[in-house]
C-alpha cells in the first residue's frame, strides 16, 4: 500500500487567501489597516518569490499553533455550555438510577413476555 503524496506548498495560493481574507475584513468592518495589510501582502507576494515563501511558512506555522489551541477551547465551551448543564438537569430531575447500578432487586434480568408472530421474523431489516 502506497502512502498518498503530500502536495507541495503553494505560496501564491496562501498569499491570495490572506489578501482575500483581509479584503473581506475591510468590506465588513471598514478598517483601513486591513486594506493596507492586504495591499502590502499581495504586493510582496507578487514581487518576490522569497517573501511569498516566507509568508507561506509563517502562515502555516500560525495555523499549526492555532490547531493546538482552538480545539481545546471549542471542546471546553461545548462541555461547559451544553453537556454540563444537561447532565446537571438530568441529575436533578431525571431518574435516580438510570443505568440500574444499584442492586435493588435480586436479579438484573428483566423478563420480556412478548408474543411474536411469523411476519416479525420474515423481514429482519
PDB file of N, CA and C in Angstrom:
ATOM      1  N   UNK A   1       0.848  -1.171   0.000  1.00  0.00           N
ATOM      2  CA  UNK A   1       0.000   0.000   0.000  1.00  0.00           C
ATOM      3  C   UNK A   1       0.893   1.234   0.000  1.00  0.00           C
ATOM      4  N   UNK A   2       0.669   2.093  -0.909  1.00  0.00           N
ATOM      5  CA  UNK A   2       1.493   3.294  -1.002  1.00  0.00           C
ATOM      6  C   UNK A   2       0.846   4.437  -0.237  1.00  0.00           C
ATOM      7  N   UNK A   3       1.680   5.273   0.305  1.00  0.00           N
ATOM      8  CA  UNK A   3       1.165   6.432   1.028  1.00  0.00           C
ATOM      9  C   UNK A   3       0.841   7.536   0.030  1.00  0.00           C
ATOM     10  N   UNK A   4      -0.202   8.307   0.312  1.00  0.00           N
ATOM     11  CA  UNK A   4      -0.544   9.388  -0.620  1.00  0.00           C
ATOM     12  C   UNK A   4       0.540  10.455  -0.630  1.00  0.00           C
ATOM     13  N   UNK A   5       0.787  10.990  -1.793  1.00  0.00           N
ATOM     14  CA  UNK A   5       1.812  12.022  -1.917  1.00  0.00           C
ATOM     15  C   UNK A   5       1.310  13.327  -1.326  1.00  0.00           C
ATOM     16  N   UNK A   6       2.181  13.966  -0.601  1.00  0.00           N
ATOM     17  CA  UNK A   6       1.830  15.243   0.002  1.00  0.00           C
ATOM     18  C   UNK A   6       2.015  16.342  -1.035  1.00  0.00           C
ATOM     19  N   UNK A   7       1.039  17.222  -1.096  1.00  0.00           N
ATOM     20  CA  UNK A   7       1.109  18.303  -2.071  1.00  0.00           C
ATOM     21  C   UNK A   7       2.201  19.294  -1.687  1.00  0.00           C
ATOM     22  N   UNK A   8       2.852  19.804  -2.688  1.00  0.00           N
ATOM     23  CA  UNK A   8       3.888  20.810  -2.457  1.00  0.00           C
ATOM     24  C   UNK A   8       3.233  22.115  -2.012  1.00  0.00           C
ATOM     25  N   UNK A   9       3.880  22.848  -1.127  1.00  0.00           N
ATOM     26  CA  UNK A   9       3.292  24.118  -0.692  1.00  0.00           C
ATOM     27  C   UNK A   9       3.185  25.097  -1.859  1.00  0.00           C
ATOM     28  N   UNK A  10       2.078  25.799  -1.881  1.00  0.00           N
ATOM     29  CA  UNK A  10       1.859  26.795  -2.938  1.00  0.00           C
ATOM     30  C   UNK A  10       1.753  28.157  -2.282  1.00  0.00           C
ATOM     31  N   UNK A  11       2.850  28.876  -2.201  1.00  0.00           N
ATOM     32  CA  UNK A  11       2.846  30.184  -1.548  1.00  0.00           C
ATOM     33  C   UNK A  11       1.915  31.181  -2.221  1.00  0.00           C
ATOM     34  N   UNK A  12       1.743  31.075  -3.535  1.00  0.00           N
ATOM     35  CA  UNK A  12       0.869  32.028  -4.231  1.00  0.00           C
ATOM     36  C   UNK A  12      -0.572  31.882  -3.757  1.00  0.00           C
ATOM     37  N   UNK A  13      -1.019  30.636  -3.563  1.00  0.00           N
ATOM     38  CA  UNK A  13      -2.387  30.427  -3.074  1.00  0.00           C
ATOM     39  C   UNK A  13      -2.541  30.935  -1.641  1.00  0.00           C
ATOM     40  N   UNK A  14      -1.513  30.727  -0.836  1.00  0.00           N
ATOM     41  CA  UNK A  14      -1.566  31.211   0.542  1.00  0.00           C
ATOM     42  C   UNK A  14      -1.642  32.728   0.584  1.00  0.00           C
ATOM     43  N   UNK A  15      -0.824  33.386  -0.208  1.00  0.00           N
ATOM     44  CA  UNK A  15      -0.834  34.855  -0.252  1.00  0.00           C
ATOM     45  C   UNK A  15      -2.183  35.348  -0.758  1.00  0.00           C
ATOM     46  N   UNK A  16      -2.724  34.695  -1.778  1.00  0.00           N
ATOM     47  CA  UNK A  16      -4.032  35.089  -2.305  1.00  0.00           C
ATOM     48  C   UNK A  16      -5.121  34.919  -1.248  1.00  0.00           C
ATOM     49  N   UNK A  17      -5.058  33.842  -0.499  1.00  0.00           N
ATOM     50  CA  UNK A  17      -6.033  33.616   0.567  1.00  0.00           C
ATOM     51  C   UNK A  17      -5.939  34.696   1.638  1.00  0.00           C
ATOM     52  N   UNK A  18      -4.734  35.065   2.024  1.00  0.00           N
ATOM     53  CA  UNK A  18      -4.548  36.113   3.031  1.00  0.00           C
ATOM     54  C   UNK A  18      -5.080  37.445   2.515  1.00  0.00           C
ATOM     55  N   UNK A  19      -4.782  37.766   1.261  1.00  0.00           N
ATOM     56  CA  UNK A  19      -5.246  39.030   0.678  1.00  0.00           C
ATOM     57  C   UNK A  19      -6.769  39.069   0.637  1.00  0.00           C
ATOM     58  N   UNK A  20      -7.388  37.989   0.172  1.00  0.00           N
ATOM     59  CA  UNK A  20      -8.857  37.954   0.106  1.00  0.00           C
ATOM     60  C   UNK A  20      -9.457  38.039   1.507  1.00  0.00           C
ATOM     61  N   UNK A  21      -8.837  37.377   2.472  1.00  0.00           N
ATOM     62  CA  UNK A  21      -9.333  37.444   3.843  1.00  0.00           C
ATOM     63  C   UNK A  21      -9.293  38.852   4.404  1.00  0.00           C
ATOM     64  N   UNK A  22      -8.190  39.549   4.198  1.00  0.00           N
ATOM     65  CA  UNK A  22      -8.103  40.925   4.702  1.00  0.00           C
ATOM     66  C   UNK A  22      -9.020  41.867   3.927  1.00  0.00           C
ATOM     67  N   UNK A  23      -9.246  41.594   2.642  1.00  0.00           N
ATOM     68  CA  UNK A  23     -10.211  42.409   1.889  1.00  0.00           C
ATOM     69  C   UNK A  23     -11.632  42.198   2.414  1.00  0.00           C
ATOM     70  N   UNK A  24     -11.960  40.962   2.759  1.00  0.00           N
ATOM     71  CA  UNK A  24     -13.281  40.709   3.347  1.00  0.00           C
ATOM     72  C   UNK A  24     -13.423  41.389   4.707  1.00  0.00           C
ATOM     73  N   UNK A  25     -12.349  41.373   5.488  1.00  0.00           N
ATOM     74  CA  UNK A  25     -12.378  42.086   6.773  1.00  0.00           C
ATOM     75  C   UNK A  25     -12.627  43.564   6.537  1.00  0.00           C
ATOM     76  N   UNK A  26     -11.978  44.123   5.523  1.00  0.00           N
ATOM     77  CA  UNK A  26     -12.184  45.540   5.218  1.00  0.00           C
ATOM     78  C   UNK A  26     -13.624  45.803   4.762  1.00  0.00           C
ATOM     79  N   UNK A  27     -14.158  44.945   3.913  1.00  0.00           N
ATOM     80  CA  UNK A  27     -15.520  45.156   3.418  1.00  0.00           C
ATOM     81  C   UNK A  27     -16.561  45.045   4.527  1.00  0.00           C
ATOM     82  N   UNK A  28     -16.310  44.195   5.492  1.00  0.00           N
ATOM     83  CA  UNK A  28     -17.273  44.012   6.575  1.00  0.00           C
ATOM     84  C   UNK A  28     -17.134  45.095   7.638  1.00  0.00           C
ATOM     85  N   UNK A  29     -15.892  45.430   8.009  1.00  0.00           N
ATOM     86  CA  UNK A  29     -15.682  46.323   9.150  1.00  0.00           C
ATOM     87  C   UNK A  29     -15.248  47.732   8.787  1.00  0.00           C
ATOM     88  N   UNK A  30     -14.806  47.946   7.558  1.00  0.00           N
ATOM     89  CA  UNK A  30     -14.294  49.244   7.096  1.00  0.00           C
ATOM     90  C   UNK A  30     -13.055  49.688   7.859  1.00  0.00           C
ATOM     91  N   UNK A  31     -12.254  48.721   8.338  1.00  0.00           N
ATOM     92  CA  UNK A  31     -10.985  49.039   8.978  1.00  0.00           C
ATOM     93  C   UNK A  31      -9.950  49.270   7.892  1.00  0.00           C
ATOM     94  N   UNK A  32      -9.360  50.433   7.891  1.00  0.00           N
ATOM     95  CA  UNK A  32      -8.418  50.794   6.827  1.00  0.00           C
ATOM     96  C   UNK A  32      -7.111  50.007   6.910  1.00  0.00           C
ATOM     97  N   UNK A  33      -6.702  49.623   8.105  1.00  0.00           N
ATOM     98  CA  UNK A  33      -5.459  48.881   8.238  1.00  0.00           C
ATOM     99  C   UNK A  33      -5.536  47.538   7.529  1.00  0.00           C
ATOM    100  N   UNK A  34      -6.719  46.908   7.487  1.00  0.00           N
ATOM    101  CA  UNK A  34      -6.832  45.611   6.813  1.00  0.00           C
ATOM    102  C   UNK A  34      -6.657  45.759   5.301  1.00  0.00           C
ATOM    103  N   UNK A  35      -7.101  46.891   4.758  1.00  0.00           N
ATOM    104  CA  UNK A  35      -6.885  47.156   3.336  1.00  0.00           C
ATOM    105  C   UNK A  35      -5.391  47.349   3.063  1.00  0.00           C
ATOM    106  N   UNK A  36      -4.708  48.034   3.963  1.00  0.00           N
ATOM    107  CA  UNK A  36      -3.260  48.229   3.806  1.00  0.00           C
ATOM    108  C   UNK A  36      -2.507  46.908   3.902  1.00  0.00           C
ATOM    109  N   UNK A  37      -2.886  46.073   4.863  1.00  0.00           N
ATOM    110  CA  UNK A  37      -2.228  44.773   5.008  1.00  0.00           C
ATOM    111  C   UNK A  37      -2.456  43.927   3.763  1.00  0.00           C
ATOM    112  N   UNK A  38      -3.684  43.923   3.248  1.00  0.00           N
ATOM    113  CA  UNK A  38      -3.979  43.158   2.032  1.00  0.00           C
ATOM    114  C   UNK A  38      -3.136  43.652   0.863  1.00  0.00           C
ATOM    115  N   UNK A  39      -3.006  44.955   0.737  1.00  0.00           N
ATOM    116  CA  UNK A  39      -2.222  45.520  -0.363  1.00  0.00           C
ATOM    117  C   UNK A  39      -0.751  45.131  -0.257  1.00  0.00           C
ATOM    118  N   UNK A  40      -0.161  45.304   0.931  1.00  0.00           N
ATOM    119  CA  UNK A  40       1.267  45.034   1.088  1.00  0.00           C
ATOM    120  C   UNK A  40       1.589  43.538   1.013  1.00  0.00           C
ATOM    121  N   UNK A  41       0.731  42.704   1.556  1.00  0.00           N
ATOM    122  CA  UNK A  41       0.964  41.259   1.450  1.00  0.00           C
ATOM    123  C   UNK A  41       0.845  40.821  -0.004  1.00  0.00           C
ATOM    124  N   UNK A  42      -0.160  41.327  -0.706  1.00  0.00           N
ATOM    125  CA  UNK A  42      -0.315  40.993  -2.118  1.00  0.00           C
ATOM    126  C   UNK A  42       0.843  41.491  -2.956  1.00  0.00           C
ATOM    127  N   UNK A  43       1.284  42.702  -2.697  1.00  0.00           N
ATOM    128  CA  UNK A  43       2.410  43.276  -3.435  1.00  0.00           C
ATOM    129  C   UNK A  43       3.696  42.490  -3.170  1.00  0.00           C
ATOM    130  N   UNK A  44       3.924  42.138  -1.910  1.00  0.00           N
ATOM    131  CA  UNK A  44       5.122  41.364  -1.569  1.00  0.00           C
ATOM    132  C   UNK A  44       5.065  39.976  -2.200  1.00  0.00           C
ATOM    133  N   UNK A  45       3.884  39.380  -2.228  1.00  0.00           N
ATOM    134  CA  UNK A  45       3.747  38.060  -2.827  1.00  0.00           C
ATOM    135  C   UNK A  45       3.956  38.063  -4.324  1.00  0.00           C
ATOM    136  N   UNK A  46       3.560  39.138  -4.984  1.00  0.00           N
ATOM    137  CA  UNK A  46       3.722  39.227  -6.436  1.00  0.00           C
ATOM    138  C   UNK A  46       5.160  39.561  -6.813  1.00  0.00           C
ATOM    139  N   UNK A  47       5.788  40.450  -6.068  1.00  0.00           N
ATOM    140  CA  UNK A  47       7.115  40.928  -6.443  1.00  0.00           C
ATOM    141  C   UNK A  47       8.246  39.969  -6.074  1.00  0.00           C
ATOM    142  N   UNK A  48       8.121  39.255  -4.977  1.00  0.00           N
ATOM    143  CA  UNK A  48       9.240  38.435  -4.516  1.00  0.00           C
ATOM    144  C   UNK A  48       8.773  37.020  -4.196  1.00  0.00           C
ATOM    145  N   UNK A  49       9.389  36.062  -4.849  1.00  0.00           N
ATOM    146  CA  UNK A  49       9.074  34.664  -4.573  1.00  0.00           C
ATOM    147  C   UNK A  49       9.586  34.268  -3.189  1.00  0.00           C
ATOM    148  N   UNK A  50      10.719  34.806  -2.781  1.00  0.00           N
ATOM    149  CA  UNK A  50      11.282  34.513  -1.465  1.00  0.00           C
ATOM    150  C   UNK A  50      10.346  34.997  -0.357  1.00  0.00           C
ATOM    151  N   UNK A  51       9.864  36.231  -0.473  1.00  0.00           N
ATOM    152  CA  UNK A  51       8.949  36.775   0.545  1.00  0.00           C
ATOM    153  C   UNK A  51       7.642  35.990   0.544  1.00  0.00           C
ATOM    154  N   UNK A  52       7.193  35.580  -0.626  1.00  0.00           N
ATOM    155  CA  UNK A  52       5.982  34.779  -0.725  1.00  0.00           C
ATOM    156  C   UNK A  52       6.146  33.454   0.020  1.00  0.00           C
ATOM    157  N   UNK A  53       7.297  32.830  -0.122  1.00  0.00           N
ATOM    158  CA  UNK A  53       7.558  31.583   0.602  1.00  0.00           C
ATOM    159  C   UNK A  53       7.645  31.821   2.105  1.00  0.00           C
ATOM    160  N   UNK A  54       8.207  32.950   2.504  1.00  0.00           N
ATOM    161  CA  UNK A  54       8.294  33.270   3.928  1.00  0.00           C
ATOM    162  C   UNK A  54       6.909  33.524   4.522  1.00  0.00           C
ATOM    163  N   UNK A  55       6.053  34.221   3.771  1.00  0.00           N
ATOM    164  CA  UNK A  55       4.676  34.458   4.224  1.00  0.00           C
ATOM    165  C   UNK A  55       3.952  33.130   4.371  1.00  0.00           C
ATOM    166  N   UNK A  56       4.137  32.226   3.402  1.00  0.00           N
ATOM    167  CA  UNK A  56       3.523  30.902   3.457  1.00  0.00           C
ATOM    168  C   UNK A  56       4.023  30.131   4.671  1.00  0.00           C
ATOM    169  N   UNK A  57       5.319  30.179   4.942  1.00  0.00           N
ATOM    170  CA  UNK A  57       5.898  29.480   6.085  1.00  0.00           C
ATOM    171  C   UNK A  57       5.318  30.004   7.396  1.00  0.00           C
ATOM    172  N   UNK A  58       5.281  31.322   7.538  1.00  0.00           N
ATOM    173  CA  UNK A  58       4.746  31.931   8.765  1.00  0.00           C
ATOM    174  C   UNK A  58       3.267  31.598   8.928  1.00  0.00           C
ATOM    175  N   UNK A  59       2.521  31.639   7.832  1.00  0.00           N
ATOM    176  CA  UNK A  59       1.085  31.358   7.881  1.00  0.00           C
ATOM    177  C   UNK A  59       0.831  29.910   8.307  1.00  0.00           C
ATOM    178  N   UNK A  60       1.608  28.986   7.788  1.00  0.00           N
ATOM    179  CA  UNK A  60       1.433  27.577   8.142  1.00  0.00           C
ATOM    180  C   UNK A  60       1.843  27.314   9.587  1.00  0.00           C
ATOM    181  N   UNK A  61       2.868  27.999  10.066  1.00  0.00           N
ATOM    182  CA  UNK A  61       3.258  27.845  11.470  1.00  0.00           C
ATOM    183  C   UNK A  61       2.186  28.420  12.397  1.00  0.00           C
ATOM    184  N   UNK A  62       1.582  29.531  11.999  1.00  0.00           N
ATOM    185  CA  UNK A  62       0.476  30.095  12.771  1.00  0.00           C
ATOM    186  C   UNK A  62      -0.699  29.123  12.797  1.00  0.00           C
ATOM    187  N   UNK A  63      -0.982  28.493  11.664  1.00  0.00           N
ATOM    188  CA  UNK A  63      -2.060  27.504  11.604  1.00  0.00           C
ATOM    189  C   UNK A  63      -1.751  26.308  12.496  1.00  0.00           C
ATOM    190  N   UNK A  64      -0.491  25.904  12.550  1.00  0.00           N
ATOM    191  CA  UNK A  64      -0.103  24.789  13.408  1.00  0.00           C
ATOM    192  C   UNK A  64      -0.300  25.136  14.884  1.00  0.00           C
ATOM    193  N   UNK A  65       0.111  26.322  15.279  1.00  0.00           N
ATOM    194  CA  UNK A  65      -0.063  26.753  16.669  1.00  0.00           C
ATOM    195  C   UNK A  65      -1.550  26.832  17.014  1.00  0.00           C
ATOM    196  N   UNK A  66      -2.343  27.402  16.114  1.00  0.00           N
ATOM    197  CA  UNK A  66      -3.783  27.510  16.370  1.00  0.00           C
ATOM    198  C   UNK A  66      -4.460  26.146  16.418  1.00  0.00           C
ATOM    199  N   UNK A  67      -3.919  25.167  15.688  1.00  0.00           N
ATOM    200  CA  UNK A  67      -4.518  23.832  15.710  1.00  0.00           C
ATOM    201  C   UNK A  67      -4.342  23.155  17.065  1.00  0.00           C
ATOM    202  N   UNK A  68      -3.390  23.603  17.855  1.00  0.00           N
ATOM    203  CA  UNK A  68      -3.226  23.072  19.199  1.00  0.00           C
ATOM    204  C   UNK A  68      -4.094  23.807  20.219  1.00  0.00           C
ATOM    205  N   UNK A  69      -4.445  25.050  19.943  1.00  0.00           N
ATOM    206  CA  UNK A  69      -5.159  25.871  20.915  1.00  0.00           C
ATOM    207  C   UNK A  69      -6.671  25.833  20.702  1.00  0.00           C
ATOM    208  N   UNK A  70      -7.119  26.065  19.492  1.00  0.00           N
ATOM    209  CA  UNK A  70      -8.539  26.262  19.209  1.00  0.00           C
ATOM    210  C   UNK A  70      -9.399  25.037  19.539  1.00  0.00           C
ATOM    211  N   UNK A  71      -9.017  23.803  19.176  1.00  0.00           N
ATOM    212  CA  UNK A  71      -9.885  22.675  19.525  1.00  0.00           C
ATOM    213  C   UNK A  71     -10.115  22.534  21.022  1.00  0.00           C
ATOM    214  N   UNK A  72      -9.105  22.820  21.825  1.00  0.00           N
ATOM    215  CA  UNK A  72      -9.279  22.735  23.275  1.00  0.00           C
ATOM    216  C   UNK A  72     -10.283  23.769  23.768  1.00  0.00           C
ATOM    217  N   UNK A  73     -10.237  24.956  23.214  1.00  0.00           N
ATOM    218  CA  UNK A  73     -11.183  26.000  23.606  1.00  0.00           C
ATOM    219  C   UNK A  73     -12.591  25.620  23.176  1.00  0.00           C
ATOM    220  N   UNK A  74     -12.737  25.155  21.948  1.00  0.00           N
ATOM    221  CA  UNK A  74     -14.062  24.792  21.435  1.00  0.00           C
ATOM    222  C   UNK A  74     -14.646  23.632  22.234  1.00  0.00           C
ATOM    223  N   UNK A  75     -13.847  22.608  22.501  1.00  0.00           N
ATOM    224  CA  UNK A  75     -14.347  21.471  23.270  1.00  0.00           C
ATOM    225  C   UNK A  75     -14.694  21.874  24.702  1.00  0.00           C
ATOM    226  N   UNK A  76     -13.921  22.766  25.291  1.00  0.00           N
ATOM    227  CA  UNK A  76     -14.242  23.242  26.638  1.00  0.00           C
ATOM    228  C   UNK A  76     -15.555  24.012  26.645  1.00  0.00           C
ATOM    229  N   UNK A  77     -15.755  24.866  25.647  1.00  0.00           N
ATOM    230  CA  UNK A  77     -17.013  25.607  25.564  1.00  0.00           C
ATOM    231  C   UNK A  77     -18.198  24.673  25.380  1.00  0.00           C
ATOM    232  N   UNK A  78     -18.063  23.681  24.517  1.00  0.00           N
ATOM    233  CA  UNK A  78     -19.152  22.723  24.312  1.00  0.00           C
ATOM    234  C   UNK A  78     -19.450  21.985  25.611  1.00  0.00           C
ATOM    235  N   UNK A  79     -18.407  21.572  26.322  1.00  0.00           N
ATOM    236  CA  UNK A  79     -18.621  20.838  27.560  1.00  0.00           C
ATOM    237  C   UNK A  79     -19.328  21.693  28.600  1.00  0.00           C
ATOM    238  N   UNK A  80     -18.811  22.902  28.852  1.00  0.00           N
ATOM    239  CA  UNK A  80     -19.358  23.704  29.939  1.00  0.00           C
ATOM    240  C   UNK A  80     -20.652  24.426  29.577  1.00  0.00           C
ATOM    241  N   UNK A  81     -20.909  24.676  28.308  1.00  0.00           N
ATOM    242  CA  UNK A  81     -22.138  25.373  27.927  1.00  0.00           C
ATOM    243  C   UNK A  81     -23.285  24.429  27.584  1.00  0.00           C
ATOM    244  N   UNK A  82     -22.969  23.195  27.153  1.00  0.00           N
ATOM    245  CA  UNK A  82     -24.033  22.277  26.741  1.00  0.00           C
ATOM    246  C   UNK A  82     -24.080  21.009  27.588  1.00  0.00           C
ATOM    247  N   UNK A  83     -22.994  20.269  27.626  1.00  0.00           N
ATOM    248  CA  UNK A  83     -23.030  18.956  28.258  1.00  0.00           C
ATOM    249  C   UNK A  83     -23.174  19.034  29.777  1.00  0.00           C
ATOM    250  N   UNK A  84     -22.444  19.904  30.422  1.00  0.00           N
ATOM    251  CA  UNK A  84     -22.536  20.012  31.875  1.00  0.00           C
ATOM    252  C   UNK A  84     -23.931  20.443  32.341  1.00  0.00           C
ATOM    253  N   UNK A  85     -24.569  21.480  31.737  1.00  0.00           N
ATOM    254  CA  UNK A  85     -25.927  21.822  32.171  1.00  0.00           C
ATOM    255  C   UNK A  85     -26.940  20.703  31.926  1.00  0.00           C
ATOM    256  N   UNK A  86     -26.802  19.985  30.813  1.00  0.00           N
ATOM    257  CA  UNK A  86     -27.723  18.878  30.545  1.00  0.00           C
ATOM    258  C   UNK A  86     -27.540  17.783  31.589  1.00  0.00           C
ATOM    259  N   UNK A  87     -26.297  17.463  31.929  1.00  0.00           N
ATOM    260  CA  UNK A  87     -26.035  16.447  32.942  1.00  0.00           C
ATOM    261  C   UNK A  87     -26.542  16.893  34.311  1.00  0.00           C
ATOM    262  N   UNK A  88     -26.391  18.172  34.614  1.00  0.00           N
ATOM    263  CA  UNK A  88     -26.871  18.687  35.892  1.00  0.00           C
ATOM    264  C   UNK A  88     -28.392  18.622  35.979  1.00  0.00           C
ATOM    265  N   UNK A  89     -29.073  19.012  34.898  1.00  0.00           N
ATOM    266  CA  UNK A  89     -30.535  18.922  34.876  1.00  0.00           C
ATOM    267  C   UNK A  89     -30.997  17.473  34.952  1.00  0.00           C
ATOM    268  N   UNK A  90     -30.291  16.579  34.303  1.00  0.00           N
ATOM    269  CA  UNK A  90     -30.645  15.166  34.366  1.00  0.00           C
ATOM    270  C   UNK A  90     -30.443  14.627  35.780  1.00  0.00           C
ATOM    271  N   UNK A  91     -29.407  15.085  36.429  1.00  0.00           N
ATOM    272  CA  UNK A  91     -29.147  14.639  37.799  1.00  0.00           C
ATOM    273  C   UNK A  91     -30.230  15.151  38.755  1.00  0.00           C
ATOM    274  N   UNK A  92     -30.689  16.386  38.521  1.00  0.00           N
ATOM    275  CA  UNK A  92     -31.690  16.968  39.414  1.00  0.00           C
ATOM    276  C   UNK A  92     -33.096  16.432  39.153  1.00  0.00           C
ATOM    277  N   UNK A  93     -33.473  16.296  37.883  1.00  0.00           N
ATOM    278  CA  UNK A  93     -34.860  15.991  37.556  1.00  0.00           C
ATOM    279  C   UNK A  93     -35.063  14.625  36.901  1.00  0.00           C
ATOM    280  N   UNK A  94     -34.002  13.909  36.590  1.00  0.00           N
ATOM    281  CA  UNK A  94     -34.129  12.641  35.881  1.00  0.00           C
ATOM    282  C   UNK A  94     -34.340  11.482  36.833  1.00  0.00           C
ATOM    283  N   UNK A  95     -34.281  10.274  36.268  1.00  0.00           N
ATOM    284  CA  UNK A  95     -34.373   9.066  37.077  1.00  0.00           C
ATOM    285  C   UNK A  95     -33.213   9.031  38.061  1.00  0.00           C
ATOM    286  N   UNK A  96     -33.450   8.436  39.192  1.00  0.00           N
ATOM    287  CA  UNK A  96     -32.399   8.415  40.205  1.00  0.00           C
ATOM    288  C   UNK A  96     -31.308   7.390  39.891  1.00  0.00           C
ATOM    289  N   UNK A  97     -31.649   6.313  39.210  1.00  0.00           N
ATOM    290  CA  UNK A  97     -30.661   5.295  38.859  1.00  0.00           C
ATOM    291  C   UNK A  97     -30.909   4.848  37.417  1.00  0.00           C
ATOM    292  N   UNK A  98     -30.562   5.680  36.436  1.00  0.00           N
ATOM    293  CA  UNK A  98     -30.928   5.366  35.052  1.00  0.00           C
ATOM    294  C   UNK A  98     -30.195   4.155  34.475  1.00  0.00           C
ATOM    295  N   UNK A  99     -29.015   3.826  34.965  1.00  0.00           N
ATOM    296  CA  UNK A  99     -28.283   2.674  34.433  1.00  0.00           C
ATOM    297  C   UNK A  99     -28.411   1.448  35.334  1.00  0.00           C
ATOM    298  N   UNK A 100     -29.257   1.524  36.352  1.00  0.00           N
ATOM    299  CA  UNK A 100     -29.515   0.424  37.285  1.00  0.00           C
ATOM    300  C   UNK A 100     -28.220  -0.103  37.895  1.00  0.00           C
ATOM    301  N   UNK A 101     -27.428   0.803  38.423  1.00  0.00           N
ATOM    302  CA  UNK A 101     -26.163   0.422  39.026  1.00  0.00           C
ATOM    303  C   UNK A 101     -26.331  -0.067  40.464  1.00  0.00           C
ATOM    304  N   UNK A 102     -27.413   0.334  41.118  1.00  0.00           N
ATOM    305  CA  UNK A 102     -27.653  -0.096  42.487  1.00  0.00           C
ATOM    306  C   UNK A 102     -28.517  -1.357  42.449  1.00  0.00           C
ATOM    307  N   UNK A 103     -28.076  -2.390  43.140  1.00  0.00           N
ATOM    308  CA  UNK A 103     -28.811  -3.657  43.152  1.00  0.00           C
ATOM    309  C   UNK A 103     -29.983  -3.564  44.116  1.00  0.00           C
ATOM    310  N   UNK A 104     -31.139  -3.200  43.598  1.00  0.00           N
ATOM    311  CA  UNK A 104     -32.342  -3.103  44.430  1.00  0.00           C
ATOM    312  C   UNK A 104     -33.205  -4.348  44.283  1.00  0.00           C
ATOM    313  N   UNK A 105     -32.941  -5.152  43.276  1.00  0.00           N
ATOM    314  CA  UNK A 105     -33.720  -6.370  43.043  1.00  0.00           C
ATOM    315  C   UNK A 105     -32.776  -7.566  43.133  1.00  0.00           C
ATOM    316  N   UNK A 106     -33.323  -8.746  43.388  1.00  0.00           N
ATOM    317  CA  UNK A 106     -32.447  -9.920  43.487  1.00  0.00           C
ATOM    318  C   UNK A 106     -31.802 -10.303  42.147  1.00  0.00           C
ATOM    319  N   UNK A 107     -32.417  -9.895  41.025  1.00  0.00           N
ATOM    320  CA  UNK A 107     -31.871 -10.242  39.719  1.00  0.00           C
ATOM    321  C   UNK A 107     -31.936  -9.025  38.805  1.00  0.00           C
ATOM    322  N   UNK A 108     -30.951  -8.900  37.941  1.00  0.00           N
ATOM    323  CA  UNK A 108     -30.961  -7.818  36.972  1.00  0.00           C
ATOM    324  C   UNK A 108     -31.672  -8.217  35.687  1.00  0.00           C
ATOM    325  N   UNK A 109     -32.109  -9.465  35.592  1.00  0.00           N
ATOM    326  CA  UNK A 109     -32.805  -9.937  34.400  1.00  0.00           C
ATOM    327  C   UNK A 109     -34.207  -9.345  34.367  1.00  0.00           C
ATOM    328  N   UNK A 110     -34.600  -8.859  33.212  1.00  0.00           N
ATOM    329  CA  UNK A 110     -35.954  -8.348  33.022  1.00  0.00           C
ATOM    330  C   UNK A 110     -36.652  -9.270  32.046  1.00  0.00           C
ATOM    331  N   UNK A 111     -37.756  -9.787  32.446  1.00  0.00           N
ATOM    332  CA  UNK A 111     -38.468 -10.706  31.556  1.00  0.00           C
ATOM    333  C   UNK A 111     -39.191  -9.911  30.479  1.00  0.00           C
ATOM    334  N   UNK A 112     -39.155 -10.466  29.287  1.00  0.00           N
ATOM    335  CA  UNK A 112     -39.785  -9.837  28.138  1.00  0.00           C
ATOM    336  C   UNK A 112     -40.809 -10.824  27.595  1.00  0.00           C
ATOM    337  N   UNK A 113     -42.014 -10.707  28.051  1.00  0.00           N
ATOM    338  CA  UNK A 113     -43.076 -11.623  27.646  1.00  0.00           C
ATOM    339  C   UNK A 113     -43.799 -11.061  26.437  1.00  0.00           C
ATOM    340  N   UNK A 114     -43.163 -11.189  25.289  1.00  0.00           N
ATOM    341  CA  UNK A 114     -43.742 -10.692  24.058  1.00  0.00           C
ATOM    342  C   UNK A 114     -44.069 -11.878  23.172  1.00  0.00           C
ATOM    343  N   UNK A 115     -45.198 -11.802  22.535  1.00  0.00           N
ATOM    344  CA  UNK A 115     -45.595 -12.862  21.609  1.00  0.00           C
ATOM    345  C   UNK A 115     -45.245 -12.401  20.203  1.00  0.00           C
ATOM    346  N   UNK A 116     -44.427 -13.206  19.536  1.00  0.00           N
ATOM    347  CA  UNK A 116     -44.008 -12.881  18.177  1.00  0.00           C
ATOM    348  C   UNK A 116     -44.829 -13.686  17.190  1.00  0.00           C
ATOM    349  N   UNK A 117     -45.190 -13.058  16.093  1.00  0.00           N
ATOM    350  CA  UNK A 117     -45.863 -13.792  15.028  1.00  0.00           C
ATOM    351  C   UNK A 117     -44.863 -14.078  13.904  1.00  0.00           C
ATOM    352  N   UNK A 118     -45.278 -14.853  12.924  1.00  0.00           N
ATOM    353  CA  UNK A 118     -44.399 -15.291  11.846  1.00  0.00           C
ATOM    354  C   UNK A 118     -43.896 -14.114  11.008  1.00  0.00           C
ATOM    355  N   UNK A 119     -44.696 -13.090  10.792  1.00  0.00           N
ATOM    356  CA  UNK A 119     -44.321 -11.947   9.952  1.00  0.00           C
ATOM    357  C   UNK A 119     -43.171 -11.152  10.567  1.00  0.00           C
ATOM    358  N   UNK A 120     -43.032 -11.197  11.872  1.00  0.00           N
ATOM    359  CA  UNK A 120     -41.963 -10.471  12.542  1.00  0.00           C
ATOM    360  C   UNK A 120     -40.584 -10.992  12.124  1.00  0.00           C
ATOM    361  N   UNK A 121     -40.466 -12.298  11.907  1.00  0.00           N
ATOM    362  CA  UNK A 121     -39.179 -12.905  11.579  1.00  0.00           C
ATOM    363  C   UNK A 121     -38.878 -12.937  10.087  1.00  0.00           C
ATOM    364  N   UNK A 122     -39.833 -12.600   9.248  1.00  0.00           N
ATOM    365  CA  UNK A 122     -39.620 -12.709   7.805  1.00  0.00           C
ATOM    366  C   UNK A 122     -38.738 -11.597   7.253  1.00  0.00           C
ATOM    367  N   UNK A 123     -38.893 -10.393   7.711  1.00  0.00           N
ATOM    368  CA  UNK A 123     -38.098  -9.265   7.212  1.00  0.00           C
ATOM    369  C   UNK A 123     -37.403  -8.602   8.399  1.00  0.00           C
ATOM    370  N   UNK A 124     -36.180  -9.041   8.632  1.00  0.00           N
ATOM    371  CA  UNK A 124     -35.436  -8.512   9.782  1.00  0.00           C
ATOM    372  C   UNK A 124     -35.113  -7.035   9.621  1.00  0.00           C
ATOM    373  N   UNK A 125     -34.623  -6.674   8.448  1.00  0.00           N
ATOM    374  CA  UNK A 125     -34.078  -5.353   8.247  1.00  0.00           C
ATOM    375  C   UNK A 125     -35.064  -4.479   7.556  1.00  0.00           C
TER     376      UNK A 125
END
